[in-house]
N, C-alpha and C. Protein backbone atom coordinates (compact mmCIF):
# COMPACT_ATOMS: atom_id res chain seq x y z
N MET A 1 191.31 -55.20 142.24
CA MET A 1 191.89 -55.68 141.00
C MET A 1 191.28 -54.91 139.83
N ALA A 2 192.12 -54.45 138.93
CA ALA A 2 191.67 -53.69 137.77
C ALA A 2 191.01 -54.62 136.76
N GLY A 3 190.14 -54.04 135.94
CA GLY A 3 189.48 -54.83 134.91
C GLY A 3 190.43 -55.17 133.77
N THR A 4 189.92 -55.92 132.83
CA THR A 4 190.70 -56.33 131.66
C THR A 4 191.07 -55.12 130.82
N SER A 5 192.35 -54.98 130.54
CA SER A 5 192.81 -53.88 129.68
C SER A 5 192.92 -54.40 128.25
N LYS A 6 193.13 -53.49 127.33
CA LYS A 6 193.32 -53.89 125.93
C LYS A 6 194.59 -54.73 125.80
N LEU A 7 195.62 -54.40 126.57
CA LEU A 7 196.85 -55.19 126.56
C LEU A 7 196.58 -56.61 127.07
N ASP A 8 195.79 -56.73 128.14
CA ASP A 8 195.40 -58.06 128.64
C ASP A 8 194.69 -58.85 127.55
N ALA A 9 193.79 -58.17 126.83
CA ALA A 9 193.02 -58.83 125.78
C ALA A 9 193.94 -59.34 124.67
N VAL A 10 194.86 -58.50 124.23
CA VAL A 10 195.79 -58.90 123.17
C VAL A 10 196.65 -60.07 123.64
N ASN A 11 197.09 -60.05 124.88
CA ASN A 11 197.90 -61.15 125.40
C ASN A 11 197.10 -62.45 125.51
N THR A 12 195.82 -62.34 125.84
CA THR A 12 194.95 -63.53 125.84
C THR A 12 194.87 -64.12 124.44
N MET A 13 194.72 -63.25 123.46
CA MET A 13 194.63 -63.69 122.07
C MET A 13 195.95 -64.34 121.62
N LEU A 14 197.06 -63.74 122.01
CA LEU A 14 198.37 -64.31 121.65
C LEU A 14 198.58 -65.68 122.29
N SER A 15 198.14 -65.82 123.53
CA SER A 15 198.32 -67.10 124.22
C SER A 15 197.52 -68.21 123.53
N ALA A 16 196.42 -67.85 122.88
CA ALA A 16 195.59 -68.85 122.19
C ALA A 16 196.31 -69.48 121.01
N ILE A 17 197.33 -68.80 120.49
CA ILE A 17 198.09 -69.37 119.38
C ILE A 17 199.51 -69.76 119.80
N GLY A 18 199.75 -69.75 121.13
CA GLY A 18 201.04 -70.18 121.64
C GLY A 18 202.12 -69.12 121.60
N GLU A 19 201.75 -67.86 121.44
CA GLU A 19 202.74 -66.77 121.42
C GLU A 19 202.95 -66.24 122.83
N ALA A 20 204.14 -65.74 123.10
CA ALA A 20 204.46 -65.13 124.39
C ALA A 20 203.76 -63.78 124.50
N PRO A 21 203.43 -63.36 125.72
CA PRO A 21 202.77 -62.06 125.89
C PRO A 21 203.71 -60.91 125.54
N VAL A 22 203.12 -59.77 125.21
CA VAL A 22 203.90 -58.56 124.94
C VAL A 22 203.71 -57.60 126.12
N SER A 23 204.66 -56.69 126.29
CA SER A 23 204.59 -55.76 127.43
C SER A 23 203.91 -54.44 127.08
N SER A 24 203.69 -54.21 125.77
CA SER A 24 202.96 -53.00 125.36
C SER A 24 202.28 -53.26 124.02
N LEU A 25 201.30 -52.42 123.71
CA LEU A 25 200.59 -52.58 122.44
C LEU A 25 201.45 -52.15 121.25
N SER A 26 202.49 -51.41 121.53
CA SER A 26 203.39 -50.98 120.45
C SER A 26 204.67 -51.81 120.46
N SER A 27 204.54 -53.11 120.65
CA SER A 27 205.70 -54.01 120.76
C SER A 27 206.40 -54.25 119.43
N GLY A 28 205.69 -54.04 118.32
CA GLY A 28 206.28 -54.31 117.02
C GLY A 28 206.07 -55.74 116.54
N LEU A 29 205.55 -56.62 117.41
CA LEU A 29 205.28 -58.01 117.02
C LEU A 29 204.08 -58.03 116.09
N ILE A 30 204.26 -58.57 114.90
CA ILE A 30 203.20 -58.55 113.88
C ILE A 30 201.94 -59.26 114.36
N GLU A 31 202.09 -60.38 115.08
CA GLU A 31 200.91 -61.10 115.59
C GLU A 31 200.14 -60.25 116.59
N ALA A 32 200.85 -59.46 117.39
CA ALA A 32 200.19 -58.58 118.36
C ALA A 32 199.42 -57.48 117.65
N GLU A 33 199.99 -56.97 116.56
CA GLU A 33 199.29 -55.93 115.78
C GLU A 33 198.04 -56.50 115.12
N ILE A 34 198.14 -57.72 114.59
CA ILE A 34 196.97 -58.38 113.99
C ILE A 34 195.91 -58.62 115.07
N ALA A 35 196.35 -59.09 116.23
CA ALA A 35 195.41 -59.34 117.33
C ALA A 35 194.69 -58.05 117.73
N GLU A 36 195.43 -56.94 117.84
CA GLU A 36 194.79 -55.68 118.23
C GLU A 36 193.81 -55.20 117.17
N THR A 37 194.15 -55.37 115.91
CA THR A 37 193.24 -54.98 114.82
C THR A 37 191.95 -55.80 114.89
N ILE A 38 192.09 -57.10 115.09
CA ILE A 38 190.90 -57.96 115.20
C ILE A 38 190.10 -57.60 116.44
N LEU A 39 190.78 -57.34 117.55
CA LEU A 39 190.09 -56.93 118.78
C LEU A 39 189.27 -55.67 118.55
N ASN A 40 189.86 -54.67 117.89
CA ASN A 40 189.15 -53.41 117.62
C ASN A 40 187.94 -53.64 116.72
N THR A 41 188.11 -54.49 115.71
CA THR A 41 187.01 -54.78 114.78
C THR A 41 185.86 -55.50 115.50
N VAL A 42 186.18 -56.50 116.30
CA VAL A 42 185.16 -57.26 117.03
C VAL A 42 184.50 -56.37 118.08
N ASP A 43 185.28 -55.53 118.75
CA ASP A 43 184.73 -54.61 119.74
C ASP A 43 183.68 -53.71 119.10
N ARG A 44 184.00 -53.14 117.96
CA ARG A 44 183.05 -52.26 117.25
C ARG A 44 181.81 -53.05 116.81
N GLU A 45 182.03 -54.25 116.30
CA GLU A 45 180.93 -55.11 115.85
C GLU A 45 179.97 -55.42 117.01
N VAL A 46 180.52 -55.80 118.15
CA VAL A 46 179.70 -56.16 119.31
C VAL A 46 178.97 -54.92 119.84
N GLN A 47 179.67 -53.81 119.95
CA GLN A 47 179.02 -52.60 120.46
C GLN A 47 177.96 -52.09 119.49
N SER A 48 178.12 -52.34 118.19
CA SER A 48 177.13 -51.91 117.20
C SER A 48 175.77 -52.58 117.41
N MET A 49 175.76 -53.73 118.09
CA MET A 49 174.50 -54.41 118.36
C MET A 49 173.58 -53.56 119.23
N GLY A 50 174.18 -52.69 120.03
CA GLY A 50 173.40 -51.83 120.91
C GLY A 50 173.01 -52.55 122.18
N TRP A 51 173.62 -52.18 123.27
CA TRP A 51 173.37 -52.78 124.57
C TRP A 51 172.90 -51.68 125.51
N HIS A 52 172.36 -52.07 126.63
CA HIS A 52 171.89 -51.11 127.62
C HIS A 52 173.01 -50.14 128.02
N PHE A 53 174.23 -50.65 128.15
CA PHE A 53 175.34 -49.83 128.64
C PHE A 53 175.88 -48.83 127.62
N ASN A 54 175.57 -49.00 126.32
CA ASN A 54 176.09 -48.03 125.34
C ASN A 54 175.00 -47.41 124.48
N THR A 55 173.78 -47.39 125.01
CA THR A 55 172.66 -46.76 124.31
C THR A 55 172.16 -45.57 125.11
N ASP A 56 172.07 -44.44 124.43
CA ASP A 56 171.49 -43.23 125.03
C ASP A 56 170.16 -42.96 124.36
N LEU A 57 169.13 -42.77 125.16
CA LEU A 57 167.78 -42.52 124.64
C LEU A 57 167.46 -41.03 124.71
N ASN A 58 166.75 -40.56 123.69
CA ASN A 58 166.22 -39.20 123.67
C ASN A 58 167.33 -38.15 123.85
N LYS A 59 168.44 -38.35 123.17
CA LYS A 59 169.57 -37.42 123.26
C LYS A 59 169.38 -36.30 122.25
N SER A 60 169.57 -35.09 122.70
CA SER A 60 169.34 -33.92 121.84
C SER A 60 170.54 -33.65 120.93
N PHE A 61 170.25 -33.37 119.67
CA PHE A 61 171.25 -32.97 118.69
C PHE A 61 170.76 -31.70 118.01
N ALA A 62 171.62 -30.68 118.03
CA ALA A 62 171.27 -29.40 117.41
C ALA A 62 171.58 -29.45 115.92
N GLN A 63 170.75 -28.76 115.17
CA GLN A 63 171.00 -28.67 113.74
C GLN A 63 172.15 -27.70 113.47
N THR A 64 172.82 -27.91 112.37
CA THR A 64 173.88 -26.99 111.94
C THR A 64 173.22 -25.75 111.35
N PRO A 65 174.00 -24.69 111.07
CA PRO A 65 173.41 -23.52 110.40
C PRO A 65 172.76 -23.88 109.06
N ALA A 66 173.23 -24.95 108.43
CA ALA A 66 172.64 -25.39 107.15
C ALA A 66 171.39 -26.24 107.36
N GLY A 67 171.04 -26.54 108.62
CA GLY A 67 169.83 -27.31 108.91
C GLY A 67 170.04 -28.81 108.96
N GLU A 68 171.30 -29.27 108.97
CA GLU A 68 171.59 -30.70 109.02
C GLU A 68 171.84 -31.14 110.46
N ILE A 69 171.63 -32.43 110.71
CA ILE A 69 171.99 -33.05 111.98
C ILE A 69 173.22 -33.90 111.72
N LEU A 70 174.36 -33.44 112.26
CA LEU A 70 175.61 -34.17 112.10
C LEU A 70 175.87 -34.98 113.36
N LEU A 71 176.37 -36.19 113.18
CA LEU A 71 176.64 -37.09 114.30
C LEU A 71 178.12 -37.17 114.59
N PRO A 72 178.50 -37.26 115.86
CA PRO A 72 179.91 -37.47 116.19
C PRO A 72 180.39 -38.84 115.69
N ALA A 73 181.70 -38.98 115.53
CA ALA A 73 182.28 -40.21 114.98
C ALA A 73 182.06 -41.42 115.88
N ASP A 74 181.75 -41.21 117.17
CA ASP A 74 181.56 -42.35 118.06
C ASP A 74 180.14 -42.91 118.04
N ILE A 75 179.27 -42.37 117.20
CA ILE A 75 177.90 -42.87 117.09
C ILE A 75 177.88 -44.03 116.10
N LEU A 76 177.49 -45.20 116.58
CA LEU A 76 177.43 -46.40 115.74
C LEU A 76 176.08 -46.54 115.05
N ARG A 77 175.03 -46.15 115.76
CA ARG A 77 173.67 -46.21 115.22
C ARG A 77 172.87 -45.06 115.79
N ALA A 78 171.96 -44.54 114.99
CA ALA A 78 171.09 -43.46 115.47
C ALA A 78 169.73 -43.60 114.81
N ASP A 79 168.71 -43.29 115.58
CA ASP A 79 167.35 -43.33 115.08
C ASP A 79 166.57 -42.24 115.81
N ALA A 80 165.60 -41.67 115.12
CA ALA A 80 164.79 -40.62 115.73
C ALA A 80 163.99 -41.20 116.89
N THR A 81 163.97 -40.47 117.99
CA THR A 81 163.14 -40.84 119.13
C THR A 81 161.69 -40.66 118.71
N LEU A 82 160.86 -41.63 119.03
CA LEU A 82 159.45 -41.56 118.63
C LEU A 82 158.73 -40.51 119.46
N LYS A 83 158.37 -39.42 118.80
CA LYS A 83 157.60 -38.34 119.41
C LYS A 83 156.61 -37.83 118.39
N ALA A 84 155.53 -37.27 118.87
CA ALA A 84 154.55 -36.69 117.95
C ALA A 84 155.20 -35.56 117.16
N ASN A 85 154.89 -35.49 115.89
CA ASN A 85 155.37 -34.45 114.99
C ASN A 85 156.88 -34.42 114.79
N SER A 86 157.59 -35.48 115.17
CA SER A 86 159.04 -35.50 114.93
C SER A 86 159.28 -36.00 113.51
N PRO A 87 160.33 -35.48 112.86
CA PRO A 87 160.61 -35.92 111.48
C PRO A 87 161.02 -37.39 111.44
N ASN A 88 160.78 -38.03 110.31
CA ASN A 88 161.13 -39.43 110.09
C ASN A 88 162.59 -39.50 109.65
N LEU A 89 163.49 -39.60 110.64
CA LEU A 89 164.92 -39.54 110.37
C LEU A 89 165.57 -40.92 110.45
N VAL A 90 166.55 -41.13 109.57
CA VAL A 90 167.39 -42.32 109.63
C VAL A 90 168.84 -41.89 109.47
N GLN A 91 169.74 -42.72 109.95
CA GLN A 91 171.16 -42.41 109.85
C GLN A 91 171.69 -42.82 108.48
N ARG A 92 172.43 -41.91 107.87
CA ARG A 92 173.17 -42.21 106.65
C ARG A 92 174.56 -41.63 106.83
N GLY A 93 175.52 -42.52 107.01
CA GLY A 93 176.87 -42.06 107.34
C GLY A 93 176.84 -41.41 108.70
N LEU A 94 177.38 -40.20 108.79
CA LEU A 94 177.35 -39.47 110.06
C LEU A 94 176.40 -38.28 109.99
N LYS A 95 175.32 -38.45 109.21
CA LYS A 95 174.26 -37.44 109.12
C LYS A 95 172.92 -38.13 109.29
N MET A 96 171.94 -37.34 109.69
CA MET A 96 170.58 -37.85 109.72
C MET A 96 169.88 -37.41 108.44
N TYR A 97 169.08 -38.31 107.89
CA TYR A 97 168.39 -38.09 106.62
C TYR A 97 166.89 -38.10 106.88
N ASP A 98 166.20 -37.10 106.34
CA ASP A 98 164.74 -37.00 106.45
C ASP A 98 164.13 -37.84 105.33
N ARG A 99 163.57 -38.98 105.70
CA ARG A 99 163.01 -39.92 104.71
C ARG A 99 161.75 -39.38 104.06
N THR A 100 160.99 -38.60 104.78
CA THR A 100 159.74 -38.08 104.23
C THR A 100 160.01 -37.05 103.14
N ASN A 101 160.95 -36.14 103.40
CA ASN A 101 161.24 -35.06 102.46
C ASN A 101 162.46 -35.34 101.58
N HIS A 102 163.08 -36.50 101.75
CA HIS A 102 164.20 -36.94 100.91
C HIS A 102 165.35 -35.93 100.90
N THR A 103 165.81 -35.58 102.12
CA THR A 103 166.86 -34.58 102.22
C THR A 103 167.63 -34.73 103.52
N PHE A 104 168.87 -34.24 103.50
CA PHE A 104 169.66 -34.16 104.72
C PHE A 104 169.35 -32.89 105.50
N ILE A 105 168.64 -31.97 104.88
CA ILE A 105 168.29 -30.72 105.56
C ILE A 105 167.04 -30.97 106.38
N VAL A 106 167.24 -31.16 107.67
CA VAL A 106 166.16 -31.49 108.59
C VAL A 106 165.43 -30.22 109.02
N GLY A 107 166.19 -29.16 109.26
CA GLY A 107 165.59 -27.88 109.58
C GLY A 107 165.13 -27.71 111.02
N THR A 108 165.48 -28.64 111.88
CA THR A 108 165.10 -28.55 113.29
C THR A 108 166.08 -29.36 114.14
N ASP A 109 166.14 -29.06 115.42
CA ASP A 109 166.92 -29.90 116.32
C ASP A 109 166.22 -31.25 116.41
N ALA A 110 166.94 -32.28 116.82
CA ALA A 110 166.35 -33.61 116.84
C ALA A 110 166.69 -34.34 118.14
N ALA A 111 165.76 -35.17 118.57
CA ALA A 111 166.00 -36.10 119.68
C ALA A 111 166.23 -37.47 119.07
N LEU A 112 167.36 -38.07 119.42
CA LEU A 112 167.74 -39.34 118.82
C LEU A 112 168.04 -40.38 119.88
N ASP A 113 167.76 -41.63 119.55
CA ASP A 113 168.22 -42.78 120.33
C ASP A 113 169.49 -43.25 119.63
N VAL A 114 170.61 -43.25 120.37
CA VAL A 114 171.90 -43.54 119.75
C VAL A 114 172.64 -44.65 120.47
N VAL A 115 173.39 -45.41 119.68
CA VAL A 115 174.31 -46.41 120.20
C VAL A 115 175.70 -45.82 120.05
N VAL A 116 176.42 -45.74 121.17
CA VAL A 116 177.70 -45.06 121.23
C VAL A 116 178.84 -46.06 121.34
N GLN A 117 179.92 -45.82 120.59
CA GLN A 117 181.13 -46.63 120.69
C GLN A 117 181.89 -46.17 121.93
N LEU A 118 182.00 -47.04 122.93
CA LEU A 118 182.74 -46.74 124.14
C LEU A 118 184.18 -47.22 123.99
N ASP A 119 185.09 -46.59 124.72
CA ASP A 119 186.45 -47.10 124.79
C ASP A 119 186.41 -48.48 125.43
N PHE A 120 187.31 -49.35 125.02
CA PHE A 120 187.36 -50.70 125.57
C PHE A 120 187.40 -50.69 127.09
N ASP A 121 188.20 -49.78 127.67
CA ASP A 121 188.33 -49.70 129.12
C ASP A 121 187.03 -49.32 129.82
N ASP A 122 186.10 -48.69 129.10
CA ASP A 122 184.83 -48.25 129.69
C ASP A 122 183.72 -49.30 129.60
N LEU A 123 184.00 -50.42 128.95
CA LEU A 123 183.00 -51.48 128.85
C LEU A 123 182.84 -52.20 130.18
N PRO A 124 181.63 -52.69 130.47
CA PRO A 124 181.49 -53.57 131.64
C PRO A 124 182.34 -54.83 131.42
N GLU A 125 182.80 -55.42 132.50
CA GLU A 125 183.69 -56.57 132.40
C GLU A 125 183.05 -57.73 131.62
N VAL A 126 181.76 -57.94 131.78
CA VAL A 126 181.08 -59.03 131.07
C VAL A 126 181.11 -58.79 129.56
N ALA A 127 181.05 -57.54 129.14
CA ALA A 127 181.14 -57.22 127.71
C ALA A 127 182.58 -57.41 127.22
N LYS A 128 183.54 -56.99 128.03
CA LYS A 128 184.94 -57.20 127.65
C LYS A 128 185.23 -58.68 127.45
N ARG A 129 184.71 -59.50 128.35
CA ARG A 129 184.95 -60.94 128.26
C ARG A 129 184.43 -61.49 126.94
N TYR A 130 183.22 -61.10 126.56
CA TYR A 130 182.66 -61.59 125.30
C TYR A 130 183.49 -61.09 124.11
N VAL A 131 183.84 -59.82 124.11
CA VAL A 131 184.63 -59.26 123.01
C VAL A 131 185.96 -60.01 122.89
N VAL A 132 186.63 -60.23 124.02
CA VAL A 132 187.93 -60.91 124.00
C VAL A 132 187.79 -62.34 123.51
N LEU A 133 186.80 -63.06 123.99
CA LEU A 133 186.64 -64.46 123.56
C LEU A 133 186.27 -64.56 122.08
N ARG A 134 185.41 -63.67 121.61
CA ARG A 134 185.05 -63.67 120.20
C ARG A 134 186.26 -63.30 119.33
N ALA A 135 187.00 -62.26 119.76
CA ALA A 135 188.19 -61.84 119.02
C ALA A 135 189.26 -62.94 119.02
N THR A 136 189.39 -63.64 120.14
CA THR A 136 190.36 -64.73 120.23
C THR A 136 190.02 -65.84 119.24
N ARG A 137 188.74 -66.19 119.14
CA ARG A 137 188.34 -67.23 118.20
C ARG A 137 188.62 -66.80 116.76
N VAL A 138 188.26 -65.56 116.42
CA VAL A 138 188.50 -65.06 115.06
C VAL A 138 190.00 -65.04 114.76
N PHE A 139 190.79 -64.55 115.71
CA PHE A 139 192.25 -64.48 115.56
C PHE A 139 192.84 -65.87 115.36
N GLN A 140 192.44 -66.81 116.21
CA GLN A 140 192.96 -68.17 116.10
C GLN A 140 192.55 -68.79 114.76
N ASP A 141 191.30 -68.56 114.34
CA ASP A 141 190.83 -69.11 113.06
C ASP A 141 191.68 -68.58 111.90
N ARG A 142 192.02 -67.31 111.95
CA ARG A 142 192.77 -66.70 110.84
C ARG A 142 194.26 -67.06 110.86
N VAL A 143 194.83 -67.18 112.05
CA VAL A 143 196.28 -67.40 112.14
C VAL A 143 196.63 -68.89 112.14
N VAL A 144 195.90 -69.69 112.93
CA VAL A 144 196.22 -71.12 113.07
C VAL A 144 195.25 -71.99 112.27
N GLY A 145 193.98 -71.72 112.40
CA GLY A 145 192.97 -72.46 111.66
C GLY A 145 192.68 -73.85 112.18
N SER A 146 192.82 -74.08 113.48
CA SER A 146 192.56 -75.39 114.06
C SER A 146 191.08 -75.57 114.34
N ASP A 147 190.49 -76.61 113.76
CA ASP A 147 189.07 -76.91 114.01
C ASP A 147 188.83 -77.28 115.47
N THR A 148 189.78 -77.99 116.07
CA THR A 148 189.64 -78.39 117.47
C THR A 148 189.61 -77.18 118.38
N LEU A 149 190.58 -76.27 118.21
CA LEU A 149 190.62 -75.05 119.01
C LEU A 149 189.39 -74.19 118.75
N HIS A 150 188.94 -74.14 117.49
CA HIS A 150 187.74 -73.38 117.15
C HIS A 150 186.54 -73.86 117.96
N GLY A 151 186.39 -75.17 118.06
CA GLY A 151 185.26 -75.74 118.80
C GLY A 151 185.28 -75.37 120.27
N PHE A 152 186.45 -75.47 120.90
CA PHE A 152 186.56 -75.11 122.33
C PHE A 152 186.29 -73.62 122.52
N GLN A 153 186.88 -72.80 121.66
CA GLN A 153 186.72 -71.35 121.81
C GLN A 153 185.28 -70.91 121.50
N LYS A 154 184.64 -71.59 120.58
CA LYS A 154 183.25 -71.25 120.24
C LYS A 154 182.34 -71.52 121.44
N GLU A 155 182.58 -72.59 122.17
CA GLU A 155 181.78 -72.89 123.38
C GLU A 155 181.95 -71.78 124.41
N ASP A 156 183.19 -71.37 124.66
CA ASP A 156 183.45 -70.28 125.61
C ASP A 156 182.79 -68.99 125.14
N GLU A 157 182.88 -68.73 123.85
CA GLU A 157 182.28 -67.52 123.28
C GLU A 157 180.75 -67.53 123.47
N ASN A 158 180.13 -68.65 123.22
CA ASN A 158 178.67 -68.74 123.37
C ASN A 158 178.24 -68.54 124.82
N MET A 159 179.01 -69.11 125.75
CA MET A 159 178.71 -68.90 127.18
C MET A 159 178.84 -67.42 127.55
N ALA A 160 179.88 -66.78 127.06
CA ALA A 160 180.09 -65.36 127.36
C ALA A 160 178.98 -64.50 126.76
N LEU A 161 178.49 -64.87 125.57
CA LEU A 161 177.38 -64.13 124.96
C LEU A 161 176.11 -64.28 125.80
N MET A 162 175.85 -65.48 126.30
CA MET A 162 174.67 -65.68 127.16
C MET A 162 174.79 -64.84 128.43
N GLU A 163 175.98 -64.79 129.00
CA GLU A 163 176.19 -63.98 130.21
C GLU A 163 175.99 -62.50 129.91
N LEU A 164 176.47 -62.04 128.75
CA LEU A 164 176.29 -60.64 128.36
C LEU A 164 174.81 -60.32 128.15
N LYS A 165 174.08 -61.22 127.51
CA LYS A 165 172.64 -61.00 127.30
C LYS A 165 171.90 -60.98 128.63
N ASP A 166 172.27 -61.87 129.55
CA ASP A 166 171.65 -61.87 130.89
C ASP A 166 171.94 -60.55 131.61
N PHE A 167 173.19 -60.09 131.53
CA PHE A 167 173.59 -58.83 132.15
C PHE A 167 172.77 -57.68 131.56
N ASP A 168 172.62 -57.69 130.24
CA ASP A 168 171.89 -56.62 129.56
C ASP A 168 170.42 -56.61 129.96
N LYS A 169 169.82 -57.80 130.04
CA LYS A 169 168.42 -57.89 130.46
C LYS A 169 168.23 -57.40 131.88
N ALA A 170 169.14 -57.78 132.77
CA ALA A 170 169.04 -57.36 134.17
C ALA A 170 169.20 -55.85 134.29
N ALA A 171 170.08 -55.27 133.51
CA ALA A 171 170.31 -53.82 133.57
C ALA A 171 169.15 -53.04 132.97
N ASP A 172 168.43 -53.65 132.06
CA ASP A 172 167.34 -52.97 131.37
C ASP A 172 166.07 -52.90 132.22
N ASP A 173 166.00 -53.67 133.29
CA ASP A 173 164.86 -53.65 134.21
C ASP A 173 163.51 -53.90 133.53
N HIS A 174 163.50 -54.78 132.54
CA HIS A 174 162.24 -55.15 131.89
C HIS A 174 161.49 -56.16 132.75
N ASN A 175 160.18 -56.18 132.59
CA ASN A 175 159.38 -57.24 133.17
C ASN A 175 158.37 -57.66 132.12
N ILE A 176 157.57 -58.64 132.41
CA ILE A 176 156.66 -59.18 131.40
C ILE A 176 155.64 -58.15 130.94
N PHE A 177 155.38 -57.14 131.74
CA PHE A 177 154.38 -56.14 131.38
C PHE A 177 154.93 -55.11 130.40
N ASP A 178 156.26 -55.10 130.15
CA ASP A 178 156.86 -54.21 129.16
C ASP A 178 156.66 -54.75 127.75
N ASN A 179 156.25 -55.99 127.62
CA ASN A 179 156.07 -56.62 126.32
C ASN A 179 154.64 -56.40 125.86
N TYR A 180 154.47 -55.83 124.65
CA TYR A 180 153.13 -55.51 124.16
C TYR A 180 152.26 -56.76 124.03
N ASP A 181 152.84 -57.86 123.53
CA ASP A 181 152.05 -59.09 123.36
C ASP A 181 151.49 -59.57 124.69
N THR A 182 152.31 -59.53 125.72
CA THR A 182 151.85 -59.94 127.06
C THR A 182 150.79 -58.97 127.56
N PHE A 183 151.05 -57.67 127.41
CA PHE A 183 150.11 -56.67 127.89
C PHE A 183 148.76 -56.80 127.20
N SER A 184 148.77 -57.05 125.88
CA SER A 184 147.50 -57.14 125.15
C SER A 184 146.66 -58.32 125.63
N ILE A 185 147.30 -59.43 126.02
CA ILE A 185 146.56 -60.58 126.54
C ILE A 185 145.97 -60.24 127.90
N ILE A 186 146.77 -59.61 128.75
CA ILE A 186 146.28 -59.23 130.08
C ILE A 186 145.17 -58.20 129.95
N ASP A 187 145.35 -57.22 129.05
CA ASP A 187 144.37 -56.17 128.86
C ASP A 187 143.06 -56.75 128.30
N ARG A 188 143.17 -57.70 127.40
CA ARG A 188 141.99 -58.33 126.80
C ARG A 188 141.20 -59.08 127.88
N GLN A 189 141.92 -59.76 128.77
CA GLN A 189 141.24 -60.49 129.85
C GLN A 189 140.59 -59.53 130.82
N GLY A 190 141.20 -58.36 131.02
CA GLY A 190 140.64 -57.38 131.94
C GLY A 190 139.37 -56.74 131.41
N ARG A 191 139.18 -56.74 130.07
CA ARG A 191 137.99 -56.12 129.48
C ARG A 191 136.82 -57.08 129.32
N ARG A 192 137.01 -58.35 129.63
CA ARG A 192 135.90 -59.31 129.51
C ARG A 192 134.80 -58.98 130.50
N THR A 193 133.60 -59.17 130.06
CA THR A 193 132.48 -58.98 130.97
C THR A 193 131.87 -60.32 131.31
N ILE A 194 131.34 -60.43 132.48
CA ILE A 194 130.76 -61.71 132.92
C ILE A 194 129.26 -61.62 132.81
């Protein structure tokens, strides 16, 4: 069975307000167009949070001939990878800015940790579910405005967010020793002398 498509998502959103499903995203139905716009906005918002599945660490970016680091349009967030002697870079628009020297001219290639906007079809199913449920609630709130439906959809949305966070934690392979606070307590106990 194939995963949730964008058309499936829009039809789920339409069903939440009692509309019949459409057979394509270019159906011409105004409610379907509004649903797709909201779906795209929520998808970008959720992916901007940065999850294990859409984050690339230590990715190399070459400087332009002018010495700037330009980012592709699919980069939602970027930050300099922490390395010795690396410039203090932050994202401004689709360029990296050197905070120390107050310039876009970085003058060197850079390693960045980036959050990438994936196509909806490339998202894990658990992420698609959360995006669809959140978009459905927003769509219903804007089109119908029912407090009762909002409450039911908010519960489903919260459950889907918990499942997405659990999925993300499991994929990240963290354990208690990855946390500095935990490590410092264990390390402090290991240095005690009797």
